[in-house]
Structure formats: C-alpha cells, structure tokens
C-alpha atoms as a PDB file:
ATOM      1  CA  MET A   1       3.755   1.714 -19.524  1.00  0.00           C
ATOM      2  CA  THR A   2       0.468  -0.084 -18.953  1.00  0.00           C
ATOM      3  CA  ALA A   3      -1.687   1.130 -16.093  1.00  0.00           C
ATOM      4  CA  VAL A   4      -2.353  -1.492 -13.457  1.00  0.00           C
ATOM      5  CA  GLU A   5      -5.940  -1.707 -12.302  1.00  0.00           C
ATOM      6  CA  TYR A   6      -6.865  -1.215  -8.672  1.00  0.00           C
ATOM      7  CA  ASP A   7     -10.114  -1.065  -6.745  1.00  0.00           C
ATOM      8  CA  ALA A   8      -9.360   1.475  -4.007  1.00  0.00           C
ATOM      9  CA  GLU A   9      -6.742   4.047  -3.167  1.00  0.00           C
ATOM     10  CA  LEU A  10      -4.939   5.452  -0.132  1.00  0.00           C
ATOM     11  CA  ASP A  11      -2.906   8.658  -0.294  1.00  0.00           C
ATOM     12  CA  ALA A  12      -0.428   8.734   2.591  1.00  0.00           C
ATOM     13  CA  CYS A  13       1.825  11.406   1.077  1.00  0.00           C
ATOM     14  CA  GLY A  14       3.334  13.808   3.585  1.00  0.00           C
ATOM     15  CA  LEU A  15       2.850  11.422   6.498  1.00  0.00           C
ATOM     16  CA  PHE A  16       5.663   9.829   8.471  1.00  0.00           C
ATOM     17  CA  CYS A  17       6.110   6.527  10.285  1.00  0.00           C
ATOM     18  CA  PRO A  18       3.960   5.077  11.743  1.00  0.00           C
ATOM     19  CA  GLU A  19       1.050   6.965  10.148  1.00  0.00           C
ATOM     20  CA  PRO A  20       1.145   5.450   6.622  1.00  0.00           C
ATOM     21  CA  VAL A  21       0.939   1.890   7.934  1.00  0.00           C
ATOM     22  CA  MET A  22      -1.700   2.825  10.503  1.00  0.00           C
ATOM     23  CA  LEU A  23      -3.851   4.281   7.720  1.00  0.00           C
ATOM     24  CA  LEU A  24      -3.142   1.234   5.555  1.00  0.00           C
ATOM     25  CA  HIS A  25      -4.250  -1.053   8.359  1.00  0.00           C
ATOM     26  CA  ASN A  26      -7.589   0.758   8.571  1.00  0.00           C
ATOM     27  CA  ARG A  27      -8.116   1.222   4.820  1.00  0.00           C
ATOM     28  CA  ILE A  28      -7.423  -2.395   3.806  1.00  0.00           C
ATOM     29  CA  LYS A  29     -10.440  -3.428   5.909  1.00  0.00           C
ATOM     30  CA  ASP A  30     -12.674  -1.511   3.480  1.00  0.00           C
ATOM     31  CA  VAL A  31     -11.366  -3.498   0.509  1.00  0.00           C
ATOM     32  CA  ASP A  32     -12.955  -6.846  -0.316  1.00  0.00           C
ATOM     33  CA  PRO A  33     -10.677  -9.912  -0.230  1.00  0.00           C
ATOM     34  CA  GLY A  34      -8.936 -10.364  -3.571  1.00  0.00           C
ATOM     35  CA  LYS A  35      -9.311  -6.703  -4.525  1.00  0.00           C
ATOM     36  CA  VAL A  36      -6.346  -4.343  -4.969  1.00  0.00           C
ATOM     37  CA  LEU A  37      -5.530  -1.236  -2.937  1.00  0.00           C
ATOM     38  CA  ARG A  38      -3.151   1.365  -4.373  1.00  0.00           C
ATOM     39  CA  VAL A  39      -1.086   3.162  -1.731  1.00  0.00           C
ATOM     40  CA  THR A  40       0.956   6.281  -2.464  1.00  0.00           C
ATOM     41  CA  ALA A  41       3.437   7.506   0.149  1.00  0.00           C
ATOM     42  CA  THR A  42       6.451   9.791   0.454  1.00  0.00           C
ATOM     43  CA  ASP A  43       8.021   8.308   3.600  1.00  0.00           C
ATOM     44  CA  PRO A  44      11.016   6.100   2.681  1.00  0.00           C
ATOM     45  CA  SER A  45      10.337   3.888   5.712  1.00  0.00           C
ATOM     46  CA  THR A  46       7.317   2.500   3.842  1.00  0.00           C
ATOM     47  CA  THR A  47       9.739   0.522   1.671  1.00  0.00           C
ATOM     48  CA  ARG A  48      10.383  -1.558   4.780  1.00  0.00           C
ATOM     49  CA  ASP A  49       7.043  -1.265   6.564  1.00  0.00           C
ATOM     50  CA  VAL A  50       4.574  -2.016   3.751  1.00  0.00           C
ATOM     51  CA  PRO A  51       6.160  -5.343   2.697  1.00  0.00           C
ATOM     52  CA  ARG A  52       6.296  -6.430   6.350  1.00  0.00           C
ATOM     53  CA  PHE A  53       2.681  -5.396   6.852  1.00  0.00           C
ATOM     54  CA  CYS A  54       1.680  -7.558   3.885  1.00  0.00           C
ATOM     55  CA  GLN A  55       3.773 -10.512   5.017  1.00  0.00           C
ATOM     56  CA  PHE A  56       2.494 -10.526   8.593  1.00  0.00           C
ATOM     57  CA  LEU A  57      -1.170  -9.967   7.741  1.00  0.00           C
ATOM     58  CA  GLY A  58      -1.418 -12.248   4.712  1.00  0.00           C
ATOM     59  CA  HIS A  59      -1.835  -9.669   1.948  1.00  0.00           C
ATOM     60  CA  GLU A  60      -0.049  -9.854  -1.413  1.00  0.00           C
ATOM     61  CA  LEU A  61       2.311  -7.043  -2.365  1.00  0.00           C
ATOM     62  CA  VAL A  62       1.568  -7.054  -6.100  1.00  0.00           C
ATOM     63  CA  SER A  63       4.050  -4.313  -6.963  1.00  0.00           C
ATOM     64  CA  HIS A  64       6.196  -1.532  -5.568  1.00  0.00           C
ATOM     65  CA  THR A  65       7.428   1.292  -7.761  1.00  0.00           C
ATOM     66  CA  GLU A  66       9.063   4.651  -7.180  1.00  0.00           C
ATOM     67  CA  GLN A  67       8.115   7.759  -9.127  1.00  0.00           C
ATOM     68  CA  GLY A  68      10.260  10.678  -8.073  1.00  0.00           C
ATOM     69  CA  ASP A  69       9.750  11.125  -4.327  1.00  0.00           C
ATOM     70  CA  ARG A  70       6.668   8.886  -4.260  1.00  0.00           C
ATOM     71  CA  TYR A  71       6.453   5.219  -3.386  1.00  0.00           C
ATOM     72  CA  ILE A  72       3.537   3.396  -4.971  1.00  0.00           C
ATOM     73  CA  TYR A  73       2.313   0.028  -3.742  1.00  0.00           C
ATOM     74  CA  LEU A  74      -0.367  -2.265  -5.106  1.00  0.00           C
ATOM     75  CA  ILE A  75      -1.643  -4.601  -2.410  1.00  0.00           C
ATOM     76  CA  ARG A  76      -4.102  -7.436  -2.978  1.00  0.00           C
ATOM     77  CA  ARG A  77      -6.106  -8.026   0.170  1.00  0.00           C
ATOM     78  CA  GLY A  78      -5.874 -11.513   1.617  1.00  0.00           C
ATOM     79  CA  VAL A  79      -8.725 -13.388   3.220  1.00  0.00           C
END
C-alpha cells in the first residue's frame, strides 16, 4: 500500500461527537488552501460527520479508510 502524503495531522482518537468535528473545524484553519489534513478518529459518528463537514464547508474528502477501530480521513482544504 502506498502512503498518501499529507501536510498536517489531527488525532481525535478517544473523543466523541461533537468533539472530533469541533477540533477539525479549528485545525483546518491552520492548513493552507489546497493542502491536505489527515484526521484519525475512533468515533463511528465521524463516518457521517466528516463528509458532511467537507460538503458544507467546501473541502474535498480525498479518502476515508478504516484500520481496525480507527477511521482515517484525508481532507484537502478548500478556498
């Protein structure tokens, strides 16, 4: 498996709704437009919340994978 490059990271493991998305909302502001943020979470509700976050705020959900009990998202910041 080829590693996907990213520019910043957010570890939201162990947090529950709404905390992962609240942290994501704050962290994405630190990422330059066009750059990729890697988010790791353990809350299953992120499978619903992260795609909606991206859709509503104009960010691109590059990928979503699951590794054991972890959900990993790559998000390209919009303008």
